[in-house]
N, C-alpha and C. Protein backbone atom coordinates (compact mmCIF):
# COMPACT_ATOMS: atom_id res chain seq x y z
N GLN A 1 138.70 160.76 76.41
CA GLN A 1 138.30 159.81 77.44
C GLN A 1 139.47 159.60 78.41
N VAL A 2 139.20 159.82 79.69
CA VAL A 2 140.23 159.65 80.70
C VAL A 2 140.38 158.17 81.04
N ARG A 3 141.63 157.72 81.08
CA ARG A 3 141.89 156.34 81.43
C ARG A 3 143.07 156.30 82.38
N LEU A 4 142.91 155.55 83.48
CA LEU A 4 143.97 155.35 84.47
C LEU A 4 144.13 153.85 84.66
N VAL A 5 145.34 153.36 84.46
CA VAL A 5 145.59 151.92 84.53
C VAL A 5 146.69 151.65 85.55
N GLU A 6 146.29 150.98 86.65
CA GLU A 6 147.24 150.65 87.71
C GLU A 6 147.88 149.29 87.46
N SER A 7 149.08 149.12 87.99
CA SER A 7 149.76 147.83 87.97
C SER A 7 150.71 147.77 89.15
N GLY A 8 151.15 146.55 89.46
CA GLY A 8 152.15 146.38 90.50
C GLY A 8 151.66 145.85 91.83
N GLY A 9 150.37 145.60 91.93
CA GLY A 9 149.87 145.03 93.17
C GLY A 9 150.28 143.58 93.33
N GLY A 10 149.93 143.01 94.48
CA GLY A 10 150.26 141.61 94.70
C GLY A 10 150.22 141.24 96.16
N LEU A 11 150.79 140.07 96.44
CA LEU A 11 150.85 139.54 97.80
C LEU A 11 152.29 139.66 98.31
N VAL A 12 152.44 140.19 99.51
CA VAL A 12 153.76 140.37 100.08
C VAL A 12 153.69 140.13 101.58
N GLN A 13 154.79 139.68 102.16
CA GLN A 13 154.84 139.49 103.60
C GLN A 13 155.04 140.82 104.30
N ALA A 14 154.60 140.89 105.54
CA ALA A 14 154.81 142.09 106.34
C ALA A 14 156.29 142.44 106.36
N GLY A 15 156.57 143.74 106.22
CA GLY A 15 157.94 144.21 106.16
C GLY A 15 158.47 144.32 104.76
N GLY A 16 157.75 143.78 103.80
CA GLY A 16 158.18 143.81 102.41
C GLY A 16 157.81 145.10 101.71
N SER A 17 158.08 145.13 100.39
CA SER A 17 157.87 146.33 99.59
C SER A 17 157.13 145.99 98.30
N LEU A 18 156.41 146.97 97.81
CA LEU A 18 155.78 146.90 96.50
C LEU A 18 155.82 148.29 95.89
N ARG A 19 155.80 148.34 94.56
CA ARG A 19 155.68 149.61 93.87
C ARG A 19 154.50 149.55 92.92
N LEU A 20 153.57 150.47 93.10
CA LEU A 20 152.43 150.60 92.21
C LEU A 20 152.73 151.65 91.15
N SER A 21 152.23 151.40 89.95
CA SER A 21 152.35 152.36 88.85
C SER A 21 150.96 152.65 88.30
N CYS A 22 150.80 153.84 87.77
CA CYS A 22 149.52 154.22 87.16
C CYS A 22 149.82 155.06 85.93
N VAL A 23 149.41 154.56 84.79
CA VAL A 23 149.58 155.28 83.53
C VAL A 23 148.28 155.98 83.18
N ALA A 24 148.37 157.27 82.92
CA ALA A 24 147.18 158.07 82.63
C ALA A 24 147.14 158.45 81.15
N SER A 25 145.94 158.53 80.63
CA SER A 25 145.74 159.03 79.27
C SER A 25 144.43 159.82 79.24
N GLY A 26 144.32 160.70 78.25
CA GLY A 26 143.10 161.49 78.12
C GLY A 26 143.08 162.75 78.95
N ILE A 27 144.20 163.05 79.63
CA ILE A 27 144.30 164.27 80.41
C ILE A 27 145.65 164.93 80.11
N THR A 28 145.75 166.20 80.45
CA THR A 28 147.05 166.88 80.39
C THR A 28 147.75 166.54 81.69
N PHE A 29 148.49 165.44 81.67
CA PHE A 29 148.98 164.84 82.90
C PHE A 29 149.79 165.82 83.74
N GLY A 30 150.71 166.52 83.13
CA GLY A 30 151.60 167.40 83.89
C GLY A 30 150.90 168.55 84.58
N SER A 31 149.68 168.82 84.21
CA SER A 31 148.93 169.93 84.79
C SER A 31 148.03 169.52 85.93
N ASN A 32 148.00 168.23 86.21
CA ASN A 32 147.06 167.71 87.20
C ASN A 32 147.76 167.13 88.42
N ALA A 33 147.21 167.43 89.60
CA ALA A 33 147.62 166.69 90.79
C ALA A 33 147.06 165.27 90.68
N MET A 34 147.80 164.32 91.22
CA MET A 34 147.42 162.92 91.17
C MET A 34 147.44 162.34 92.57
N GLY A 35 146.60 161.34 92.79
CA GLY A 35 146.55 160.75 94.11
C GLY A 35 146.43 159.24 94.07
N TRP A 36 146.79 158.63 95.20
CA TRP A 36 146.55 157.21 95.44
C TRP A 36 145.59 157.09 96.61
N TYR A 37 144.57 156.29 96.43
CA TYR A 37 143.60 155.99 97.47
C TYR A 37 143.62 154.49 97.74
N ARG A 38 143.10 154.09 98.87
CA ARG A 38 142.93 152.66 99.13
C ARG A 38 141.61 152.42 99.84
N GLN A 39 141.12 151.21 99.64
CA GLN A 39 139.89 150.80 100.30
C GLN A 39 140.07 149.40 100.85
N ALA A 40 139.98 149.28 102.14
CA ALA A 40 140.05 147.97 102.80
C ALA A 40 138.63 147.43 102.91
N PRO A 41 138.47 146.11 103.01
CA PRO A 41 137.13 145.52 103.12
C PRO A 41 136.35 146.12 104.28
N GLY A 42 135.13 146.57 103.99
CA GLY A 42 134.28 147.13 105.02
C GLY A 42 134.56 148.58 105.36
N ASN A 43 135.58 149.15 104.72
CA ASN A 43 135.94 150.54 105.02
C ASN A 43 135.67 151.45 103.83
N GLN A 44 135.64 152.74 104.10
CA GLN A 44 135.51 153.71 103.02
C GLN A 44 136.87 153.90 102.33
N ARG A 45 136.81 154.36 101.11
CA ARG A 45 138.04 154.66 100.39
C ARG A 45 138.70 155.88 101.05
N GLU A 46 140.01 155.80 101.24
CA GLU A 46 140.73 156.88 101.91
C GLU A 46 141.93 157.31 101.07
N LEU A 47 142.27 158.58 101.21
CA LEU A 47 143.44 159.11 100.51
C LEU A 47 144.71 158.61 101.20
N VAL A 48 145.62 158.09 100.42
CA VAL A 48 146.90 157.61 100.94
C VAL A 48 147.99 158.65 100.69
N ALA A 49 148.04 159.17 99.47
CA ALA A 49 149.09 160.13 99.12
C ALA A 49 148.64 160.94 97.92
N ARG A 50 149.16 162.16 97.85
CA ARG A 50 148.85 163.03 96.73
C ARG A 50 150.11 163.75 96.30
N ILE A 51 150.23 164.01 95.01
CA ILE A 51 151.35 164.78 94.48
C ILE A 51 150.80 165.86 93.55
N SER A 52 151.24 167.08 93.77
CA SER A 52 150.75 168.19 92.97
C SER A 52 151.44 168.20 91.60
N SER A 53 150.96 169.06 90.74
CA SER A 53 151.59 169.18 89.42
C SER A 53 153.04 169.65 89.55
N GLY A 54 153.32 170.36 90.61
CA GLY A 54 154.68 170.86 90.84
C GLY A 54 155.56 169.91 91.63
N GLY A 55 154.98 168.79 92.08
CA GLY A 55 155.78 167.80 92.79
C GLY A 55 155.66 167.82 94.30
N SER A 56 154.86 168.73 94.85
CA SER A 56 154.65 168.73 96.30
C SER A 56 153.82 167.51 96.68
N THR A 57 154.14 166.95 97.84
CA THR A 57 153.47 165.71 98.26
C THR A 57 152.84 165.86 99.63
N ASN A 58 151.81 165.06 99.86
CA ASN A 58 151.28 164.92 101.21
C ASN A 58 150.78 163.49 101.38
N TYR A 59 150.79 163.03 102.63
CA TYR A 59 150.53 161.63 102.94
C TYR A 59 149.56 161.50 104.12
N ALA A 60 148.85 160.40 104.13
CA ALA A 60 148.09 160.03 105.31
C ALA A 60 149.06 159.73 106.43
N ASP A 61 148.67 160.05 107.66
CA ASP A 61 149.57 159.82 108.79
C ASP A 61 149.99 158.35 108.89
N SER A 62 149.11 157.46 108.51
CA SER A 62 149.37 156.03 108.67
C SER A 62 150.49 155.52 107.75
N VAL A 63 150.84 156.27 106.73
CA VAL A 63 151.86 155.80 105.78
C VAL A 63 153.09 156.70 105.73
N LYS A 64 153.09 157.79 106.46
CA LYS A 64 154.23 158.71 106.44
C LYS A 64 155.51 157.97 106.85
N GLY A 65 156.56 158.22 106.09
CA GLY A 65 157.84 157.58 106.37
C GLY A 65 157.98 156.20 105.76
N ARG A 66 156.89 155.63 105.24
CA ARG A 66 156.96 154.30 104.65
C ARG A 66 156.63 154.32 103.15
N PHE A 67 155.72 155.19 102.74
CA PHE A 67 155.29 155.27 101.34
C PHE A 67 155.85 156.55 100.71
N THR A 68 156.12 156.46 99.41
CA THR A 68 156.58 157.62 98.65
C THR A 68 155.83 157.69 97.33
N ILE A 69 155.21 158.83 97.09
CA ILE A 69 154.54 159.06 95.81
C ILE A 69 155.48 159.88 94.92
N SER A 70 155.50 159.55 93.64
CA SER A 70 156.33 160.29 92.69
C SER A 70 155.64 160.27 91.33
N ARG A 71 156.15 161.07 90.43
CA ARG A 71 155.55 161.13 89.09
C ARG A 71 156.63 161.32 88.05
N ASP A 72 156.35 160.82 86.85
CA ASP A 72 157.21 161.02 85.70
C ASP A 72 156.32 161.58 84.60
N ASN A 73 156.40 162.89 84.40
CA ASN A 73 155.51 163.54 83.43
C ASN A 73 155.84 163.14 81.99
N THR A 74 157.06 162.66 81.75
CA THR A 74 157.41 162.23 80.39
C THR A 74 156.73 160.91 80.04
N LYS A 75 156.30 160.18 81.07
CA LYS A 75 155.65 158.88 80.86
C LYS A 75 154.19 158.89 81.28
N ASN A 76 153.67 160.05 81.66
CA ASN A 76 152.28 160.14 82.14
C ASN A 76 152.00 159.11 83.23
N THR A 77 152.95 158.96 84.14
CA THR A 77 152.87 157.89 85.13
C THR A 77 153.09 158.45 86.54
N VAL A 78 152.29 157.94 87.46
CA VAL A 78 152.47 158.24 88.88
C VAL A 78 152.76 156.92 89.59
N TYR A 79 153.63 156.98 90.58
CA TYR A 79 154.07 155.79 91.29
C TYR A 79 153.75 155.91 92.78
N LEU A 80 153.65 154.74 93.41
CA LEU A 80 153.56 154.68 94.87
C LEU A 80 154.52 153.58 95.33
N GLN A 81 155.62 154.00 95.91
CA GLN A 81 156.57 153.05 96.49
C GLN A 81 156.15 152.79 97.93
N MET A 82 155.92 151.53 98.24
CA MET A 82 155.44 151.15 99.56
C MET A 82 156.46 150.24 100.23
N ASN A 83 157.02 150.72 101.33
CA ASN A 83 158.02 149.97 102.08
C ASN A 83 157.49 149.64 103.47
N SER A 84 158.15 148.71 104.12
CA SER A 84 157.76 148.32 105.49
C SER A 84 156.26 148.07 105.58
N LEU A 85 155.76 147.31 104.65
CA LEU A 85 154.32 147.08 104.59
C LEU A 85 153.81 146.32 105.80
N LYS A 86 152.58 146.67 106.19
CA LYS A 86 151.92 146.07 107.35
C LYS A 86 150.63 145.40 106.89
N PRO A 87 150.14 144.43 107.63
CA PRO A 87 148.86 143.80 107.26
C PRO A 87 147.72 144.82 107.11
N GLU A 88 147.74 145.88 107.88
CA GLU A 88 146.68 146.89 107.78
C GLU A 88 146.78 147.74 106.51
N ASP A 89 147.83 147.56 105.73
CA ASP A 89 147.92 148.22 104.43
C ASP A 89 147.15 147.46 103.35
N THR A 90 146.65 146.30 103.68
CA THR A 90 145.90 145.49 102.72
C THR A 90 144.67 146.23 102.22
N GLY A 91 144.44 146.14 100.92
CA GLY A 91 143.27 146.76 100.33
C GLY A 91 143.42 146.90 98.83
N VAL A 92 142.42 147.52 98.22
CA VAL A 92 142.49 147.84 96.80
C VAL A 92 142.99 149.28 96.68
N TYR A 93 144.03 149.46 95.91
CA TYR A 93 144.63 150.77 95.73
C TYR A 93 144.22 151.35 94.39
N TYR A 94 143.75 152.58 94.44
CA TYR A 94 143.25 153.26 93.25
C TYR A 94 144.07 154.51 92.96
N CYS A 95 144.39 154.66 91.70
CA CYS A 95 144.99 155.89 91.21
C CYS A 95 143.85 156.85 90.85
N ALA A 96 144.07 158.15 91.03
CA ALA A 96 143.03 159.12 90.74
C ALA A 96 143.61 160.44 90.27
N VAL A 97 142.84 161.12 89.47
CA VAL A 97 143.15 162.51 89.16
C VAL A 97 142.54 163.34 90.29
N SER A 98 143.38 164.02 91.02
CA SER A 98 142.90 164.73 92.20
C SER A 98 141.80 165.73 91.85
N TRP A 99 140.85 165.85 92.79
CA TRP A 99 139.75 166.81 92.68
C TRP A 99 138.80 166.49 91.53
N THR A 100 138.82 165.23 91.08
CA THR A 100 137.87 164.78 90.05
C THR A 100 137.30 163.43 90.48
N ASN A 101 136.40 162.91 89.67
CA ASN A 101 135.85 161.57 89.90
C ASN A 101 136.53 160.53 89.03
N TYR A 102 137.69 160.84 88.52
CA TYR A 102 138.41 159.89 87.67
C TYR A 102 139.30 158.99 88.52
N PHE A 103 138.94 157.71 88.54
CA PHE A 103 139.69 156.70 89.27
C PHE A 103 140.02 155.54 88.33
N GLY A 104 141.12 154.85 88.63
CA GLY A 104 141.44 153.64 87.91
C GLY A 104 140.62 152.47 88.40
N GLN A 105 140.92 151.30 87.84
CA GLN A 105 140.13 150.11 88.19
C GLN A 105 140.57 149.49 89.50
N GLY A 106 141.74 149.87 89.98
CA GLY A 106 142.23 149.38 91.27
C GLY A 106 143.23 148.26 91.14
N ALA A 107 144.12 148.18 92.11
CA ALA A 107 145.12 147.11 92.19
C ALA A 107 145.08 146.53 93.61
N GLN A 108 144.97 145.22 93.71
CA GLN A 108 144.89 144.58 95.01
C GLN A 108 146.27 144.47 95.63
N VAL A 109 146.37 144.90 96.87
CA VAL A 109 147.59 144.73 97.67
C VAL A 109 147.21 143.94 98.91
N THR A 110 147.89 142.83 99.11
CA THR A 110 147.63 141.99 100.27
C THR A 110 148.93 141.78 101.02
N VAL A 111 148.92 142.12 102.31
CA VAL A 111 150.10 141.99 103.14
C VAL A 111 149.81 140.93 104.20
N SER A 112 150.58 139.86 104.17
CA SER A 112 150.36 138.77 105.12
C SER A 112 151.25 138.97 106.35
N SER A 113 150.75 138.50 107.47
CA SER A 113 151.51 138.66 108.73
C SER A 113 152.42 137.48 108.98
């Protein structure tokens, strides 16, 4: 059974930082690309960042230079470091196993202006 558990969300002022973590189980973590998605109220879920099994990364244009995705295969964990946060970054952030329908339960991130 695949399980993805996010943590680290919260409320932060614009310009602040947060780090999201996602612990995965039930998969061969090191062999899978992992991604972070977000969904703002009234919007569709969108890809924020992805990291391949080999560590290659790609980002949505809206977060390039501000967010960093990383992984620790020894801990079955993927991270999303979010800096210089903006109110438009507000939403529910989901960890996912790339190219599958496996998503976590989501972590709320709220950025106040």
